[in-house]
Amino acid sequence: MVYVYILRSVSKPGERYVGITADLRQRLEYHNAGRCLHTSKFRPWKIIYTETFEDKTSALKRERQIKGWTRAKKEALISGNRETLRMLSKWTQ
């Protein structure tokens, strides 16, 4: 299994990070230990969203898709607001 995950900074709640991993616990520890350049200055982090994939190729495709979204669209995904997500998707096509 491979996971696409979204982190939220505890120290700066507006900061988000999207990534992929095969081990969520280990990856969160990696971010919180400051070993990732992009996330080290906003520690600690909390996982706020995950999706599961059978293979890395599918997970990478989804990660790139989410990273290209607006903040509003990501927030709709995180909160599970399908109607807002659908509406925002129509605007960005």
PDB file of N, CA and C in Angstrom:
ATOM      1  N   MET A   1       0.829  -1.190   0.000  1.00  0.00           N
ATOM      2  CA  MET A   1       0.000   0.000   0.000  1.00  0.00           C
ATOM      3  C   MET A   1       0.875   1.257   0.000  1.00  0.00           C
ATOM      4  N   VAL A   2       0.394   2.259  -0.688  1.00  0.00           N
ATOM      5  CA  VAL A   2       1.062   3.560  -0.726  1.00  0.00           C
ATOM      6  C   VAL A   2       0.018   4.610  -0.384  1.00  0.00           C
ATOM      7  N   TYR A   3       0.417   5.573   0.414  1.00  0.00           N
ATOM      8  CA  TYR A   3      -0.511   6.604   0.890  1.00  0.00           C
ATOM      9  C   TYR A   3      -0.143   7.974   0.341  1.00  0.00           C
ATOM     10  N   VAL A   4      -1.165   8.729  -0.033  1.00  0.00           N
ATOM     11  CA  VAL A   4      -1.023  10.164  -0.268  1.00  0.00           C
ATOM     12  C   VAL A   4      -1.518  10.788   1.022  1.00  0.00           C
ATOM     13  N   TYR A   5      -0.759  11.730   1.561  1.00  0.00           N
ATOM     14  CA  TYR A   5      -1.141  12.329   2.832  1.00  0.00           C
ATOM     15  C   TYR A   5      -1.034  13.845   2.762  1.00  0.00           C
ATOM     16  N   ILE A   6      -1.798  14.486   3.627  1.00  0.00           N
ATOM     17  CA  ILE A   6      -1.699  15.937   3.790  1.00  0.00           C
ATOM     18  C   ILE A   6      -1.417  16.190   5.259  1.00  0.00           C
ATOM     19  N   LEU A   7      -0.384  16.992   5.499  1.00  0.00           N
ATOM     20  CA  LEU A   7      -0.017  17.390   6.855  1.00  0.00           C
ATOM     21  C   LEU A   7      -0.465  18.818   7.099  1.00  0.00           C
ATOM     22  N   ARG A   8      -0.741  19.120   8.367  1.00  0.00           N
ATOM     23  CA  ARG A   8      -0.997  20.491   8.788  1.00  0.00           C
ATOM     24  C   ARG A   8       0.009  20.815   9.889  1.00  0.00           C
ATOM     25  N   SER A   9       0.602  21.988   9.798  1.00  0.00           N
ATOM     26  CA  SER A   9       1.536  22.431  10.826  1.00  0.00           C
ATOM     27  C   SER A   9       0.764  22.774  12.090  1.00  0.00           C
ATOM     28  N   VAL A  10       1.214  22.267  13.226  1.00  0.00           N
ATOM     29  CA  VAL A  10       0.594  22.590  14.511  1.00  0.00           C
ATOM     30  C   VAL A  10       0.997  23.999  14.939  1.00  0.00           C
ATOM     31  N   SER A  11       2.245  24.386  14.650  1.00  0.00           N
ATOM     32  CA  SER A  11       2.741  25.696  15.070  1.00  0.00           C
ATOM     33  C   SER A  11       2.257  26.828  14.161  1.00  0.00           C
ATOM     34  N   LYS A  12       1.951  26.505  12.917  1.00  0.00           N
ATOM     35  CA  LYS A  12       1.439  27.492  11.962  1.00  0.00           C
ATOM     36  C   LYS A  12       0.333  26.816  11.147  1.00  0.00           C
ATOM     37  N   PRO A  13      -0.888  26.749  11.704  1.00  0.00           N
ATOM     38  CA  PRO A  13      -1.969  25.941  11.133  1.00  0.00           C
ATOM     39  C   PRO A  13      -2.308  26.201   9.669  1.00  0.00           C
ATOM     40  N   GLY A  14      -1.935  27.333   9.108  1.00  0.00           N
ATOM     41  CA  GLY A  14      -2.211  27.597   7.703  1.00  0.00           C
ATOM     42  C   GLY A  14      -1.288  26.846   6.752  1.00  0.00           C
ATOM     43  N   GLU A  15      -0.212  26.297   7.278  1.00  0.00           N
ATOM     44  CA  GLU A  15       0.758  25.584   6.442  1.00  0.00           C
ATOM     45  C   GLU A  15       0.311  24.141   6.227  1.00  0.00           C
ATOM     46  N   ARG A  16       0.396  23.702   4.975  1.00  0.00           N
ATOM     47  CA  ARG A  16       0.044  22.340   4.593  1.00  0.00           C
ATOM     48  C   ARG A  16       1.194  21.738   3.792  1.00  0.00           C
ATOM     49  N   TYR A  17       1.253  20.413   3.786  1.00  0.00           N
ATOM     50  CA  TYR A  17       2.240  19.698   2.985  1.00  0.00           C
ATOM     51  C   TYR A  17       1.586  18.435   2.441  1.00  0.00           C
ATOM     52  N   VAL A  18       1.768  18.174   1.152  1.00  0.00           N
ATOM     53  CA  VAL A  18       1.215  16.983   0.507  1.00  0.00           C
ATOM     54  C   VAL A  18       2.374  16.079   0.112  1.00  0.00           C
ATOM     55  N   GLY A  19       2.265  14.780   0.427  1.00  0.00           N
ATOM     56  CA  GLY A  19       3.315  13.845   0.080  1.00  0.00           C
ATOM     57  C   GLY A  19       2.795  12.435  -0.087  1.00  0.00           C
ATOM     58  N   ILE A  20       3.711  11.498  -0.379  1.00  0.00           N
ATOM     59  CA  ILE A  20       3.359  10.075  -0.465  1.00  0.00           C
ATOM     60  C   ILE A  20       4.331   9.274   0.384  1.00  0.00           C
ATOM     61  N   THR A  21       3.875   8.110   0.842  1.00  0.00           N
ATOM     62  CA  THR A  21       4.710   7.225   1.643  1.00  0.00           C
ATOM     63  C   THR A  21       4.095   5.836   1.702  1.00  0.00           C
ATOM     64  N   ALA A  22       4.910   4.868   2.059  1.00  0.00           N
ATOM     65  CA  ALA A  22       4.416   3.521   2.316  1.00  0.00           C
ATOM     66  C   ALA A  22       4.216   3.302   3.815  1.00  0.00           C
ATOM     67  N   ASP A  23       4.737   4.214   4.642  1.00  0.00           N
ATOM     68  CA  ASP A  23       4.650   4.084   6.098  1.00  0.00           C
ATOM     69  C   ASP A  23       4.324   5.452   6.710  1.00  0.00           C
ATOM     70  N   LEU A  24       3.065   5.670   7.028  1.00  0.00           N
ATOM     71  CA  LEU A  24       2.622   6.976   7.540  1.00  0.00           C
ATOM     72  C   LEU A  24       3.293   7.355   8.854  1.00  0.00           C
ATOM     73  N   ARG A  25       3.381   6.407   9.780  1.00  0.00           N
ATOM     74  CA  ARG A  25       3.980   6.702  11.080  1.00  0.00           C
ATOM     75  C   ARG A  25       5.433   7.133  10.934  1.00  0.00           C
ATOM     76  N   GLN A  26       6.182   6.381  10.158  1.00  0.00           N
ATOM     77  CA  GLN A  26       7.596   6.686   9.958  1.00  0.00           C
ATOM     78  C   GLN A  26       7.775   8.029   9.232  1.00  0.00           C
ATOM     79  N   ARG A  27       6.930   8.294   8.251  1.00  0.00           N
ATOM     80  CA  ARG A  27       7.047   9.535   7.492  1.00  0.00           C
ATOM     81  C   ARG A  27       6.720  10.747   8.365  1.00  0.00           C
ATOM     82  N   LEU A  28       5.707  10.624   9.229  1.00  0.00           N
ATOM     83  CA  LEU A  28       5.381  11.722  10.140  1.00  0.00           C
ATOM     84  C   LEU A  28       6.548  11.983  11.092  1.00  0.00           C
ATOM     85  N   GLU A  29       7.157  10.930  11.592  1.00  0.00           N
ATOM     86  CA  GLU A  29       8.333  11.094  12.459  1.00  0.00           C
ATOM     87  C   GLU A  29       9.464  11.801  11.710  1.00  0.00           C
ATOM     88  N   TYR A  30       9.646  11.469  10.452  1.00  0.00           N
ATOM     89  CA  TYR A  30      10.668  12.097   9.601  1.00  0.00           C
ATOM     90  C   TYR A  30      10.422  13.605   9.501  1.00  0.00           C
ATOM     91  N   HIS A  31       9.178  13.995   9.216  1.00  0.00           N
ATOM     92  CA  HIS A  31       8.844  15.420   9.123  1.00  0.00           C
ATOM     93  C   HIS A  31       9.038  16.112  10.480  1.00  0.00           C
ATOM     94  N   ASN A  32       8.578  15.500  11.537  1.00  0.00           N
ATOM     95  CA  ASN A  32       8.653  16.124  12.859  1.00  0.00           C
ATOM     96  C   ASN A  32      10.068  16.161  13.427  1.00  0.00           C
ATOM     97  N   ALA A  33      10.962  15.336  12.892  1.00  0.00           N
ATOM     98  CA  ALA A  33      12.361  15.364  13.310  1.00  0.00           C
ATOM     99  C   ALA A  33      13.142  16.459  12.581  1.00  0.00           C
ATOM    100  N   GLY A  34      12.495  17.102  11.607  1.00  0.00           N
ATOM    101  CA  GLY A  34      13.154  18.177  10.875  1.00  0.00           C
ATOM    102  C   GLY A  34      14.051  17.706   9.755  1.00  0.00           C
ATOM    103  N   ARG A  35      13.888  16.469   9.320  1.00  0.00           N
ATOM    104  CA  ARG A  35      14.765  15.922   8.278  1.00  0.00           C
ATOM    105  C   ARG A  35      14.305  16.251   6.859  1.00  0.00           C
ATOM    106  N   CYS A  36      13.155  16.874   6.729  1.00  0.00           N
ATOM    107  CA  CYS A  36      12.664  17.295   5.414  1.00  0.00           C
ATOM    108  C   CYS A  36      12.807  18.811   5.319  1.00  0.00           C
ATOM    109  N   LEU A  37      13.570  19.288   4.346  1.00  0.00           N
ATOM    110  CA  LEU A  37      13.849  20.714   4.198  1.00  0.00           C
ATOM    111  C   LEU A  37      12.563  21.546   4.113  1.00  0.00           C
ATOM    112  N   HIS A  38      11.578  21.062   3.349  1.00  0.00           N
ATOM    113  CA  HIS A  38      10.352  21.837   3.115  1.00  0.00           C
ATOM    114  C   HIS A  38       9.466  21.970   4.355  1.00  0.00           C
ATOM    115  N   THR A  39       9.596  21.057   5.290  1.00  0.00           N
ATOM    116  CA  THR A  39       8.698  21.087   6.454  1.00  0.00           C
ATOM    117  C   THR A  39       9.394  21.399   7.769  1.00  0.00           C
ATOM    118  N   SER A  40      10.702  21.464   7.779  1.00  0.00           N
ATOM    119  CA  SER A  40      11.440  21.594   9.037  1.00  0.00           C
ATOM    120  C   SER A  40      11.130  22.870   9.818  1.00  0.00           C
ATOM    121  N   LYS A  41      10.834  23.968   9.134  1.00  0.00           N
ATOM    122  CA  LYS A  41      10.627  25.224   9.858  1.00  0.00           C
ATOM    123  C   LYS A  41       9.216  25.397  10.425  1.00  0.00           C
ATOM    124  N   PHE A  42       8.312  24.481  10.113  1.00  0.00           N
ATOM    125  CA  PHE A  42       6.935  24.605  10.608  1.00  0.00           C
ATOM    126  C   PHE A  42       6.535  23.438  11.503  1.00  0.00           C
ATOM    127  N   ARG A  43       7.490  22.799  12.145  1.00  0.00           N
ATOM    128  CA  ARG A  43       7.216  21.667  13.034  1.00  0.00           C
ATOM    129  C   ARG A  43       6.493  22.120  14.282  1.00  0.00           C
ATOM    130  N   PRO A  44       5.757  21.231  14.904  1.00  0.00           N
ATOM    131  CA  PRO A  44       5.426  19.858  14.536  1.00  0.00           C
ATOM    132  C   PRO A  44       4.271  19.803  13.531  1.00  0.00           C
ATOM    133  N   TRP A  45       4.121  18.612  12.935  1.00  0.00           N
ATOM    134  CA  TRP A  45       3.104  18.366  11.918  1.00  0.00           C
ATOM    135  C   TRP A  45       2.115  17.316  12.395  1.00  0.00           C
ATOM    136  N   LYS A  46       0.926  17.372  11.836  1.00  0.00           N
ATOM    137  CA  LYS A  46      -0.123  16.401  12.141  1.00  0.00           C
ATOM    138  C   LYS A  46      -0.721  15.941  10.808  1.00  0.00           C
ATOM    139  N   ILE A  47      -0.967  14.633  10.681  1.00  0.00           N
ATOM    140  CA  ILE A  47      -1.618  14.120   9.471  1.00  0.00           C
ATOM    141  C   ILE A  47      -3.105  14.451   9.561  1.00  0.00           C
ATOM    142  N   ILE A  48      -3.620  15.132   8.519  1.00  0.00           N
ATOM    143  CA  ILE A  48      -5.033  15.511   8.539  1.00  0.00           C
ATOM    144  C   ILE A  48      -5.844  14.864   7.423  1.00  0.00           C
ATOM    145  N   TYR A  49      -5.157  14.177   6.485  1.00  0.00           N
ATOM    146  CA  TYR A  49      -5.880  13.537   5.388  1.00  0.00           C
ATOM    147  C   TYR A  49      -5.001  12.459   4.777  1.00  0.00           C
ATOM    148  N   THR A  50      -5.611  11.324   4.411  1.00  0.00           N
ATOM    149  CA  THR A  50      -4.889  10.268   3.701  1.00  0.00           C
ATOM    150  C   THR A  50      -5.783   9.616   2.654  1.00  0.00           C
ATOM    151  N   GLU A  51      -5.160   9.110   1.623  1.00  0.00           N
ATOM    152  CA  GLU A  51      -5.794   8.257   0.616  1.00  0.00           C
ATOM    153  C   GLU A  51      -4.858   7.073   0.423  1.00  0.00           C
ATOM    154  N   THR A  52      -5.424   5.909   0.146  1.00  0.00           N
ATOM    155  CA  THR A  52      -4.646   4.684  -0.023  1.00  0.00           C
ATOM    156  C   THR A  52      -4.659   4.235  -1.483  1.00  0.00           C
ATOM    157  N   PHE A  53      -3.492   3.788  -1.964  1.00  0.00           N
ATOM    158  CA  PHE A  53      -3.344   3.313  -3.333  1.00  0.00           C
ATOM    159  C   PHE A  53      -2.614   1.984  -3.342  1.00  0.00           C
ATOM    160  N   GLU A  54      -2.891   1.194  -4.362  1.00  0.00           N
ATOM    161  CA  GLU A  54      -2.248  -0.108  -4.509  1.00  0.00           C
ATOM    162  C   GLU A  54      -0.815   0.007  -5.018  1.00  0.00           C
ATOM    163  N   ASP A  55      -0.522   1.080  -5.771  1.00  0.00           N
ATOM    164  CA  ASP A  55       0.802   1.194  -6.366  1.00  0.00           C
ATOM    165  C   ASP A  55       1.310   2.635  -6.300  1.00  0.00           C
ATOM    166  N   LYS A  56       2.629   2.762  -6.403  1.00  0.00           N
ATOM    167  CA  LYS A  56       3.283   4.061  -6.283  1.00  0.00           C
ATOM    168  C   LYS A  56       2.939   4.992  -7.444  1.00  0.00           C
ATOM    169  N   THR A  57       2.784   4.444  -8.637  1.00  0.00           N
ATOM    170  CA  THR A  57       2.473   5.266  -9.808  1.00  0.00           C
ATOM    171  C   THR A  57       1.147   6.007  -9.624  1.00  0.00           C
ATOM    172  N   SER A  58       0.134   5.310  -9.155  1.00  0.00           N
ATOM    173  CA  SER A  58      -1.174   5.938  -8.920  1.00  0.00           C
ATOM    174  C   SER A  58      -1.085   6.986  -7.818  1.00  0.00           C
ATOM    175  N   ALA A  59      -0.330   6.685  -6.769  1.00  0.00           N
ATOM    176  CA  ALA A  59      -0.175   7.630  -5.657  1.00  0.00           C
ATOM    177  C   ALA A  59       0.549   8.892  -6.118  1.00  0.00           C
ATOM    178  N   LEU A  60       1.594   8.741  -6.914  1.00  0.00           N
ATOM    179  CA  LEU A  60       2.332   9.901  -7.419  1.00  0.00           C
ATOM    180  C   LEU A  60       1.451  10.777  -8.300  1.00  0.00           C
ATOM    181  N   LYS A  61       0.634  10.147  -9.116  1.00  0.00           N
ATOM    182  CA  LYS A  61      -0.284  10.896  -9.977  1.00  0.00           C
ATOM    183  C   LYS A  61      -1.266  11.710  -9.134  1.00  0.00           C
ATOM    184  N   ARG A  62      -1.808  11.087  -8.088  1.00  0.00           N
ATOM    185  CA  ARG A  62      -2.755  11.788  -7.218  1.00  0.00           C
ATOM    186  C   ARG A  62      -2.053  12.895  -6.434  1.00  0.00           C
ATOM    187  N   GLU A  63      -0.848  12.641  -5.955  1.00  0.00           N
ATOM    188  CA  GLU A  63      -0.088  13.658  -5.222  1.00  0.00           C
ATOM    189  C   GLU A  63       0.116  14.898  -6.095  1.00  0.00           C
ATOM    190  N   ARG A  64       0.544  14.698  -7.330  1.00  0.00           N
ATOM    191  CA  ARG A  64       0.752  15.828  -8.244  1.00  0.00           C
ATOM    192  C   ARG A  64      -0.548  16.582  -8.502  1.00  0.00           C
ATOM    193  N   GLN A  65      -1.637  15.833  -8.634  1.00  0.00           N
ATOM    194  CA  GLN A  65      -2.931  16.462  -8.864  1.00  0.00           C
ATOM    195  C   GLN A  65      -3.298  17.368  -7.685  1.00  0.00           C
ATOM    196  N   ILE A  66      -3.215  16.844  -6.477  1.00  0.00           N
ATOM    197  CA  ILE A  66      -3.580  17.620  -5.286  1.00  0.00           C
ATOM    198  C   ILE A  66      -2.647  18.817  -5.117  1.00  0.00           C
ATOM    199  N   LYS A  67      -1.361  18.632  -5.341  1.00  0.00           N
ATOM    200  CA  LYS A  67      -0.416  19.744  -5.204  1.00  0.00           C
ATOM    201  C   LYS A  67      -0.741  20.897  -6.150  1.00  0.00           C
ATOM    202  N   GLY A  68      -1.367  20.598  -7.271  1.00  0.00           N
ATOM    203  CA  GLY A  68      -1.730  21.627  -8.240  1.00  0.00           C
ATOM    204  C   GLY A  68      -3.028  22.359  -7.917  1.00  0.00           C
ATOM    205  N   TRP A  69      -3.727  21.904  -6.908  1.00  0.00           N
ATOM    206  CA  TRP A  69      -5.006  22.510  -6.538  1.00  0.00           C
ATOM    207  C   TRP A  69      -4.828  23.788  -5.733  1.00  0.00           C
ATOM    208  N   THR A  70      -5.885  24.585  -5.726  1.00  0.00           N
ATOM    209  CA  THR A  70      -5.920  25.779  -4.879  1.00  0.00           C
ATOM    210  C   THR A  70      -6.087  25.360  -3.420  1.00  0.00           C
ATOM    211  N   ARG A  71      -5.799  26.290  -2.526  1.00  0.00           N
ATOM    212  CA  ARG A  71      -5.995  26.023  -1.095  1.00  0.00           C
ATOM    213  C   ARG A  71      -7.454  25.666  -0.802  1.00  0.00           C
ATOM    214  N   ALA A  72      -8.377  26.391  -1.422  1.00  0.00           N
ATOM    215  CA  ALA A  72      -9.812  26.140  -1.191  1.00  0.00           C
ATOM    216  C   ALA A  72     -10.199  24.724  -1.607  1.00  0.00           C
ATOM    217  N   LYS A  73      -9.674  24.280  -2.709  1.00  0.00           N
ATOM    218  CA  LYS A  73      -9.996  22.941  -3.191  1.00  0.00           C
ATOM    219  C   LYS A  73      -9.398  21.873  -2.270  1.00  0.00           C
ATOM    220  N   LYS A  74      -8.178  22.102  -1.797  1.00  0.00           N
ATOM    221  CA  LYS A  74      -7.563  21.169  -0.848  1.00  0.00           C
ATOM    222  C   LYS A  74      -8.361  21.117   0.449  1.00  0.00           C
ATOM    223  N   GLU A  75      -8.812  22.275   0.929  1.00  0.00           N
ATOM    224  CA  GLU A  75      -9.593  22.315   2.165  1.00  0.00           C
ATOM    225  C   GLU A  75     -10.921  21.581   2.003  1.00  0.00           C
ATOM    226  N   ALA A  76     -11.542  21.695   0.831  1.00  0.00           N
ATOM    227  CA  ALA A  76     -12.791  20.971   0.569  1.00  0.00           C
ATOM    228  C   ALA A  76     -12.532  19.460   0.596  1.00  0.00           C
ATOM    229  N   LEU A  77     -11.414  19.026   0.045  1.00  0.00           N
ATOM    230  CA  LEU A  77     -11.047  17.615   0.070  1.00  0.00           C
ATOM    231  C   LEU A  77     -10.849  17.145   1.506  1.00  0.00           C
ATOM    232  N   ILE A  78     -10.074  17.900   2.276  1.00  0.00           N
ATOM    233  CA  ILE A  78      -9.771  17.541   3.660  1.00  0.00           C
ATOM    234  C   ILE A  78     -11.041  17.441   4.498  1.00  0.00           C
ATOM    235  N   SER A  79     -11.943  18.394   4.314  1.00  0.00           N
ATOM    236  CA  SER A  79     -13.172  18.418   5.124  1.00  0.00           C
ATOM    237  C   SER A  79     -14.234  17.453   4.614  1.00  0.00           C
ATOM    238  N   GLY A  80     -14.000  16.865   3.433  1.00  0.00           N
ATOM    239  CA  GLY A  80     -14.971  15.929   2.883  1.00  0.00           C
ATOM    240  C   GLY A  80     -16.167  16.611   2.247  1.00  0.00           C
ATOM    241  N   ASN A  81     -16.021  17.887   1.923  1.00  0.00           N
ATOM    242  CA  ASN A  81     -17.116  18.655   1.336  1.00  0.00           C
ATOM    243  C   ASN A  81     -17.147  18.410  -0.177  1.00  0.00           C
ATOM    244  N   ARG A  82     -17.828  17.358  -0.569  1.00  0.00           N
ATOM    245  CA  ARG A  82     -17.851  16.949  -1.977  1.00  0.00           C
ATOM    246  C   ARG A  82     -18.513  17.977  -2.882  1.00  0.00           C
ATOM    247  N   GLU A  83     -19.539  18.647  -2.385  1.00  0.00           N
ATOM    248  CA  GLU A  83     -20.226  19.639  -3.208  1.00  0.00           C
ATOM    249  C   GLU A  83     -19.297  20.805  -3.551  1.00  0.00           C
ATOM    250  N   THR A  84     -18.591  21.333  -2.551  1.00  0.00           N
ATOM    251  CA  THR A  84     -17.653  22.420  -2.799  1.00  0.00           C
ATOM    252  C   THR A  84     -16.522  21.947  -3.701  1.00  0.00           C
ATOM    253  N   LEU A  85     -16.022  20.744  -3.469  1.00  0.00           N
ATOM    254  CA  LEU A  85     -14.955  20.190  -4.299  1.00  0.00           C
ATOM    255  C   LEU A  85     -15.417  20.080  -5.752  1.00  0.00           C
ATOM    256  N   ARG A  86     -16.632  19.614  -5.963  1.00  0.00           N
ATOM    257  CA  ARG A  86     -17.190  19.500  -7.317  1.00  0.00           C
ATOM    258  C   ARG A  86     -17.322  20.866  -7.962  1.00  0.00           C
ATOM    259  N   MET A  87     -17.822  21.846  -7.202  1.00  0.00           N
ATOM    260  CA  MET A  87     -17.995  23.200  -7.711  1.00  0.00           C
ATOM    261  C   MET A  87     -16.641  23.817  -8.087  1.00  0.00           C
ATOM    262  N   LEU A  88     -15.653  23.684  -7.212  1.00  0.00           N
ATOM    263  CA  LEU A  88     -14.325  24.240  -7.486  1.00  0.00           C
ATOM    264  C   LEU A  88     -13.667  23.535  -8.672  1.00  0.00           C
ATOM    265  N   SER A  89     -13.939  22.270  -8.850  1.00  0.00           N
ATOM    266  CA  SER A  89     -13.389  21.531  -9.981  1.00  0.00           C
ATOM    267  C   SER A  89     -13.956  22.051 -11.305  1.00  0.00           C
ATOM    268  N   LYS A  90     -15.206  22.397 -11.314  1.00  0.00           N
ATOM    269  CA  LYS A  90     -15.823  22.934 -12.534  1.00  0.00           C
ATOM    270  C   LYS A  90     -15.187  24.281 -12.900  1.00  0.00           C
ATOM    271  N   TRP A  91     -14.872  25.109 -11.903  1.00  0.00           N
ATOM    272  CA  TRP A  91     -14.292  26.418 -12.155  1.00  0.00           C
ATOM    273  C   TRP A  91     -12.877  26.334 -12.696  1.00  0.00           C
ATOM    274  N   THR A  92     -12.150  25.281 -12.359  1.00  0.00           N
ATOM    275  CA  THR A  92     -10.741  25.199 -12.744  1.00  0.00           C
ATOM    276  C   THR A  92     -10.530  24.392 -14.020  1.00  0.00           C
ATOM    277  N   GLN A  93     -11.562  23.935 -14.662  1.00  0.00           N
ATOM    278  CA  GLN A  93     -11.392  23.165 -15.904  1.00  0.00           C
ATOM    279  C   GLN A  93     -11.296  24.059 -17.101  1.00  0.00           C
TER     280      GLN A  93
END
